[in-house]
N, C-alpha and C. Protein backbone atom coordinates (compact mmCIF):
# COMPACT_ATOMS: atom_id res chain seq x y z
N MET A 1 10.69 10.26 10.66
CA MET A 1 10.62 8.81 10.83
C MET A 1 11.65 8.15 9.92
N LYS A 2 12.41 7.25 10.48
CA LYS A 2 13.35 6.43 9.72
C LYS A 2 13.10 4.99 10.11
N LYS A 3 12.55 4.23 9.17
CA LYS A 3 12.20 2.84 9.49
C LYS A 3 12.48 1.96 8.28
N ILE A 4 12.98 0.76 8.56
CA ILE A 4 13.21 -0.20 7.49
C ILE A 4 12.51 -1.51 7.85
N TYR A 5 11.67 -1.96 6.93
CA TYR A 5 11.00 -3.26 7.04
C TYR A 5 11.89 -4.24 6.28
N HIS A 6 12.29 -5.29 6.95
CA HIS A 6 13.24 -6.23 6.35
C HIS A 6 12.94 -7.65 6.83
N LEU A 7 13.73 -8.57 6.34
CA LEU A 7 13.64 -9.96 6.76
C LEU A 7 15.01 -10.34 7.32
N ALA A 8 15.05 -10.68 8.60
CA ALA A 8 16.33 -10.98 9.26
C ALA A 8 17.05 -12.17 8.65
N THR A 9 16.31 -13.09 8.05
CA THR A 9 16.92 -14.28 7.46
C THR A 9 17.36 -14.06 6.01
N CYS A 10 17.15 -12.87 5.48
CA CYS A 10 17.49 -12.57 4.09
C CYS A 10 18.89 -11.95 4.05
N ASP A 11 19.81 -12.64 3.41
CA ASP A 11 21.19 -12.16 3.31
C ASP A 11 21.27 -10.81 2.60
N THR A 12 20.47 -10.62 1.58
CA THR A 12 20.48 -9.37 0.84
C THR A 12 20.02 -8.21 1.72
N CYS A 13 18.97 -8.43 2.49
CA CYS A 13 18.49 -7.40 3.42
C CYS A 13 19.58 -7.04 4.43
N GLN A 14 20.22 -8.06 4.98
CA GLN A 14 21.26 -7.82 5.97
C GLN A 14 22.43 -7.05 5.38
N LYS A 15 22.79 -7.37 4.15
CA LYS A 15 23.87 -6.67 3.46
C LYS A 15 23.51 -5.19 3.27
N ILE A 16 22.29 -4.92 2.88
CA ILE A 16 21.85 -3.54 2.67
C ILE A 16 21.82 -2.78 3.99
N LEU A 17 21.31 -3.40 5.05
CA LEU A 17 21.27 -2.74 6.36
C LEU A 17 22.68 -2.34 6.80
N LYS A 18 23.63 -3.22 6.55
CA LYS A 18 25.01 -2.93 6.90
C LYS A 18 25.57 -1.82 6.02
N GLU A 19 25.28 -1.90 4.73
CA GLU A 19 25.80 -0.93 3.77
C GLU A 19 25.31 0.50 4.04
N VAL A 20 24.06 0.63 4.48
CA VAL A 20 23.50 1.97 4.75
C VAL A 20 23.72 2.39 6.20
N ASP A 21 24.39 1.55 6.99
CA ASP A 21 24.67 1.85 8.39
C ASP A 21 23.40 2.10 9.20
N ALA A 22 22.40 1.28 9.00
CA ALA A 22 21.09 1.47 9.63
C ALA A 22 21.16 1.52 11.14
N VAL A 23 21.93 0.65 11.75
CA VAL A 23 22.00 0.59 13.22
C VAL A 23 22.67 1.85 13.76
N LYS A 24 23.80 2.24 13.18
CA LYS A 24 24.51 3.43 13.63
C LYS A 24 23.67 4.70 13.46
N LYS A 25 22.85 4.71 12.41
CA LYS A 25 22.03 5.89 12.13
C LYS A 25 20.69 5.84 12.86
N LYS A 26 20.58 4.88 13.76
CA LYS A 26 19.40 4.73 14.62
C LYS A 26 18.08 4.63 13.84
N VAL A 27 18.13 3.82 12.80
CA VAL A 27 16.93 3.55 12.02
C VAL A 27 16.15 2.46 12.74
N GLU A 28 14.85 2.65 12.86
CA GLU A 28 14.00 1.62 13.47
C GLU A 28 13.88 0.47 12.49
N LEU A 29 14.14 -0.73 12.97
CA LEU A 29 14.09 -1.92 12.12
C LEU A 29 12.92 -2.80 12.54
N GLN A 30 12.22 -3.32 11.54
CA GLN A 30 11.13 -4.26 11.82
C GLN A 30 11.32 -5.50 10.97
N ASP A 31 11.58 -6.61 11.65
CA ASP A 31 11.69 -7.90 10.97
C ASP A 31 10.27 -8.37 10.68
N ILE A 32 9.90 -8.39 9.42
CA ILE A 32 8.51 -8.67 9.05
C ILE A 32 8.08 -10.12 9.30
N LYS A 33 9.05 -10.97 9.57
CA LYS A 33 8.70 -12.36 9.89
C LYS A 33 8.26 -12.49 11.34
N THR A 34 8.91 -11.75 12.23
CA THR A 34 8.59 -11.87 13.65
C THR A 34 7.57 -10.82 14.12
N VAL A 35 7.53 -9.68 13.44
CA VAL A 35 6.55 -8.64 13.76
C VAL A 35 5.80 -8.32 12.47
N ALA A 36 4.60 -8.86 12.37
CA ALA A 36 3.83 -8.72 11.14
C ALA A 36 3.53 -7.26 10.81
N ILE A 37 3.45 -7.00 9.53
CA ILE A 37 3.07 -5.67 9.06
C ILE A 37 1.60 -5.46 9.37
N THR A 38 1.27 -4.32 9.92
CA THR A 38 -0.13 -4.02 10.22
C THR A 38 -0.79 -3.42 8.97
N PRO A 39 -2.10 -3.50 8.89
CA PRO A 39 -2.80 -2.86 7.76
C PRO A 39 -2.46 -1.37 7.67
N GLU A 40 -2.33 -0.70 8.81
CA GLU A 40 -2.01 0.73 8.81
C GLU A 40 -0.62 0.98 8.23
N GLN A 41 0.35 0.14 8.59
CA GLN A 41 1.70 0.29 8.05
C GLN A 41 1.70 0.08 6.54
N LEU A 42 0.99 -0.94 6.09
CA LEU A 42 0.94 -1.22 4.67
C LEU A 42 0.25 -0.08 3.91
N ASP A 43 -0.81 0.46 4.49
CA ASP A 43 -1.51 1.57 3.85
C ASP A 43 -0.61 2.80 3.75
N GLN A 44 0.22 3.03 4.78
CA GLN A 44 1.17 4.14 4.72
C GLN A 44 2.19 3.91 3.60
N MET A 45 2.69 2.67 3.49
CA MET A 45 3.64 2.35 2.42
C MET A 45 3.01 2.60 1.06
N LYS A 46 1.75 2.18 0.92
CA LYS A 46 1.04 2.35 -0.36
C LYS A 46 0.88 3.82 -0.70
N LYS A 47 0.57 4.62 0.29
CA LYS A 47 0.40 6.06 0.07
C LYS A 47 1.69 6.66 -0.49
N LEU A 48 2.83 6.24 0.03
CA LEU A 48 4.12 6.76 -0.42
C LEU A 48 4.56 6.14 -1.75
N ALA A 49 4.27 4.86 -1.94
CA ALA A 49 4.72 4.14 -3.14
C ALA A 49 3.78 4.33 -4.33
N GLY A 50 2.53 4.66 -4.05
CA GLY A 50 1.57 4.87 -5.13
C GLY A 50 0.64 3.72 -5.39
N SER A 51 1.05 2.51 -5.02
CA SER A 51 0.18 1.34 -5.22
C SER A 51 0.69 0.18 -4.38
N TYR A 52 -0.22 -0.76 -4.14
CA TYR A 52 0.18 -1.99 -3.45
C TYR A 52 1.03 -2.85 -4.38
N GLU A 53 0.73 -2.77 -5.67
CA GLU A 53 1.48 -3.56 -6.64
C GLU A 53 2.96 -3.20 -6.61
N ALA A 54 3.29 -1.93 -6.39
CA ALA A 54 4.69 -1.49 -6.32
C ALA A 54 5.43 -2.11 -5.13
N LEU A 55 4.68 -2.55 -4.14
CA LEU A 55 5.25 -3.16 -2.94
C LEU A 55 5.27 -4.69 -3.01
N PHE A 56 4.68 -5.24 -4.05
CA PHE A 56 4.47 -6.69 -4.15
C PHE A 56 5.64 -7.37 -4.86
N SER A 57 6.10 -8.46 -4.28
CA SER A 57 7.20 -9.23 -4.87
C SER A 57 6.67 -10.43 -5.64
N ARG A 58 6.91 -10.40 -6.93
CA ARG A 58 6.56 -11.56 -7.78
C ARG A 58 7.65 -12.63 -7.72
N ARG A 59 8.74 -12.33 -7.04
CA ARG A 59 9.85 -13.29 -6.92
C ARG A 59 9.65 -14.25 -5.74
N ALA A 60 8.66 -13.98 -4.91
CA ALA A 60 8.39 -14.86 -3.78
C ALA A 60 8.05 -16.26 -4.29
N LEU A 61 8.57 -17.26 -3.62
CA LEU A 61 8.34 -18.65 -4.04
C LEU A 61 6.85 -18.99 -4.11
N LYS A 62 6.07 -18.43 -3.20
CA LYS A 62 4.65 -18.75 -3.16
C LYS A 62 3.87 -18.15 -4.33
N PHE A 63 4.45 -17.17 -5.02
CA PHE A 63 3.75 -16.53 -6.14
C PHE A 63 3.37 -17.57 -7.19
N ARG A 64 4.30 -18.40 -7.57
CA ARG A 64 4.02 -19.45 -8.57
C ARG A 64 3.29 -20.63 -7.94
N SER A 65 3.71 -21.04 -6.75
CA SER A 65 3.11 -22.23 -6.15
C SER A 65 1.62 -22.03 -5.85
N MET A 66 1.21 -20.79 -5.63
CA MET A 66 -0.21 -20.50 -5.40
C MET A 66 -0.96 -20.23 -6.70
N GLY A 67 -0.23 -20.30 -7.82
CA GLY A 67 -0.86 -20.08 -9.13
C GLY A 67 -1.19 -18.62 -9.40
N LEU A 68 -0.59 -17.72 -8.67
CA LEU A 68 -0.90 -16.30 -8.84
C LEU A 68 -0.40 -15.73 -10.16
N HIS A 69 0.62 -16.38 -10.73
CA HIS A 69 1.16 -15.92 -12.02
C HIS A 69 0.15 -16.11 -13.15
N GLU A 70 -0.87 -16.91 -12.91
CA GLU A 70 -1.90 -17.16 -13.92
C GLU A 70 -3.15 -16.32 -13.71
N LYS A 71 -3.13 -15.45 -12.70
CA LYS A 71 -4.30 -14.65 -12.37
C LYS A 71 -4.03 -13.17 -12.63
N THR A 72 -5.10 -12.44 -12.85
CA THR A 72 -5.00 -11.00 -12.95
C THR A 72 -5.36 -10.44 -11.58
N LEU A 73 -4.36 -9.87 -10.93
CA LEU A 73 -4.56 -9.37 -9.56
C LEU A 73 -4.92 -7.90 -9.56
N GLN A 74 -5.76 -7.52 -8.63
CA GLN A 74 -6.17 -6.13 -8.44
C GLN A 74 -5.46 -5.58 -7.20
N GLU A 75 -5.56 -4.28 -6.99
CA GLU A 75 -4.92 -3.64 -5.83
C GLU A 75 -5.35 -4.31 -4.51
N ALA A 76 -6.63 -4.60 -4.38
CA ALA A 76 -7.12 -5.23 -3.15
C ALA A 76 -6.48 -6.61 -2.95
N ASP A 77 -6.22 -7.31 -4.05
CA ASP A 77 -5.57 -8.63 -3.97
C ASP A 77 -4.14 -8.49 -3.47
N TYR A 78 -3.41 -7.52 -4.03
CA TYR A 78 -2.02 -7.30 -3.61
C TYR A 78 -1.97 -6.98 -2.12
N ARG A 79 -2.87 -6.12 -1.67
CA ARG A 79 -2.91 -5.72 -0.26
C ARG A 79 -3.15 -6.94 0.63
N GLN A 80 -4.17 -7.71 0.28
CA GLN A 80 -4.52 -8.88 1.09
C GLN A 80 -3.39 -9.90 1.13
N LEU A 81 -2.78 -10.15 -0.01
CA LEU A 81 -1.69 -11.13 -0.07
C LEU A 81 -0.50 -10.71 0.77
N ILE A 82 -0.15 -9.42 0.72
CA ILE A 82 0.99 -8.95 1.52
C ILE A 82 0.68 -9.08 3.01
N LEU A 83 -0.55 -8.77 3.39
CA LEU A 83 -0.91 -8.88 4.81
C LEU A 83 -0.96 -10.33 5.29
N GLU A 84 -1.35 -11.24 4.40
CA GLU A 84 -1.44 -12.66 4.77
C GLU A 84 -0.09 -13.36 4.77
N GLU A 85 0.82 -12.95 3.89
CA GLU A 85 2.09 -13.66 3.72
C GLU A 85 3.23 -12.65 3.57
N TYR A 86 4.08 -12.56 4.59
CA TYR A 86 5.15 -11.55 4.61
C TYR A 86 6.10 -11.64 3.42
N THR A 87 6.25 -12.82 2.84
CA THR A 87 7.19 -12.97 1.72
C THR A 87 6.74 -12.22 0.47
N PHE A 88 5.50 -11.80 0.42
CA PHE A 88 5.03 -11.05 -0.74
C PHE A 88 5.42 -9.57 -0.70
N LEU A 89 5.98 -9.10 0.40
CA LEU A 89 6.45 -7.71 0.44
C LEU A 89 7.82 -7.65 -0.20
N LYS A 90 7.95 -6.80 -1.20
CA LYS A 90 9.25 -6.58 -1.83
C LYS A 90 10.14 -5.93 -0.78
N ARG A 91 11.32 -6.48 -0.56
CA ARG A 91 12.13 -5.98 0.54
C ARG A 91 13.55 -5.67 0.14
N PRO A 92 14.15 -4.84 0.98
CA PRO A 92 13.59 -4.13 2.11
C PRO A 92 12.74 -2.94 1.66
N VAL A 93 11.91 -2.46 2.58
CA VAL A 93 11.15 -1.23 2.36
C VAL A 93 11.63 -0.25 3.44
N ALA A 94 12.12 0.89 2.99
CA ALA A 94 12.60 1.91 3.93
C ALA A 94 11.77 3.16 3.77
N ILE A 95 11.41 3.74 4.90
CA ILE A 95 10.70 5.01 4.90
C ILE A 95 11.57 6.00 5.65
N VAL A 96 11.89 7.08 4.97
CA VAL A 96 12.68 8.16 5.55
C VAL A 96 11.90 9.45 5.31
N GLY A 97 11.32 9.96 6.38
CA GLY A 97 10.48 11.15 6.23
C GLY A 97 9.28 10.82 5.35
N ASN A 98 9.16 11.53 4.24
CA ASN A 98 8.06 11.29 3.29
C ASN A 98 8.52 10.56 2.04
N GLU A 99 9.69 9.92 2.12
CA GLU A 99 10.21 9.17 0.98
C GLU A 99 10.17 7.68 1.29
N ILE A 100 9.95 6.90 0.24
CA ILE A 100 9.96 5.44 0.40
C ILE A 100 10.97 4.85 -0.58
N PHE A 101 11.64 3.81 -0.14
CA PHE A 101 12.63 3.11 -0.95
C PHE A 101 12.25 1.63 -0.91
N VAL A 102 11.95 1.07 -2.07
CA VAL A 102 11.43 -0.30 -2.13
C VAL A 102 12.35 -1.16 -2.98
N GLY A 103 12.77 -2.28 -2.40
CA GLY A 103 13.54 -3.26 -3.17
C GLY A 103 15.03 -3.20 -2.88
N ASN A 104 15.74 -4.06 -3.60
CA ASN A 104 17.15 -4.24 -3.30
C ASN A 104 18.08 -3.93 -4.47
N THR A 105 17.63 -3.06 -5.37
CA THR A 105 18.52 -2.70 -6.47
C THR A 105 19.60 -1.75 -5.98
N LYS A 106 20.67 -1.67 -6.71
CA LYS A 106 21.79 -0.80 -6.36
C LYS A 106 21.33 0.65 -6.32
N ALA A 107 20.50 1.06 -7.27
CA ALA A 107 20.02 2.44 -7.32
C ALA A 107 19.20 2.79 -6.08
N VAL A 108 18.36 1.87 -5.64
CA VAL A 108 17.55 2.10 -4.44
C VAL A 108 18.45 2.20 -3.22
N THR A 109 19.43 1.33 -3.11
CA THR A 109 20.35 1.34 -1.98
C THR A 109 21.14 2.64 -1.93
N GLU A 110 21.61 3.11 -3.07
CA GLU A 110 22.37 4.35 -3.13
C GLU A 110 21.50 5.55 -2.73
N ALA A 111 20.27 5.58 -3.21
CA ALA A 111 19.35 6.66 -2.86
C ALA A 111 19.03 6.63 -1.36
N LEU A 112 18.88 5.44 -0.81
CA LEU A 112 18.61 5.30 0.62
C LEU A 112 19.80 5.81 1.44
N LYS A 113 21.00 5.49 1.02
CA LYS A 113 22.20 5.96 1.73
C LYS A 113 22.21 7.48 1.81
N LYS A 114 21.88 8.14 0.70
CA LYS A 114 21.87 9.60 0.67
C LYS A 114 20.77 10.17 1.57
N ALA A 115 19.63 9.51 1.60
CA ALA A 115 18.49 10.00 2.39
C ALA A 115 18.74 9.87 3.89
N LEU A 116 19.49 8.84 4.28
CA LEU A 116 19.77 8.63 5.70
C LEU A 116 20.89 9.55 6.15
């Protein structure tokens, strides 16, 4: 399985998709804004990443506006928030076989290129 969860309106995601040649390498793409992440997909990501917190983006604008920065969140909270609001998923998230690549750092992008 080669799949990347991304946001089509995110310039950084688009840059990474182009950089790793996702389309040419026939990677399945899912725009999380138009096709919501299912609980099963999120649970699979968690299994590979180790926790829902590892998949959670604290950089999302709603993180502060919802006052979440002042709360102590548990794994169940992270899961629920990601399922309710796509912007809470740290992106892009790529799954290649049994490996997961989360986020947009240079190191993650380079590792993803090698895996594809």
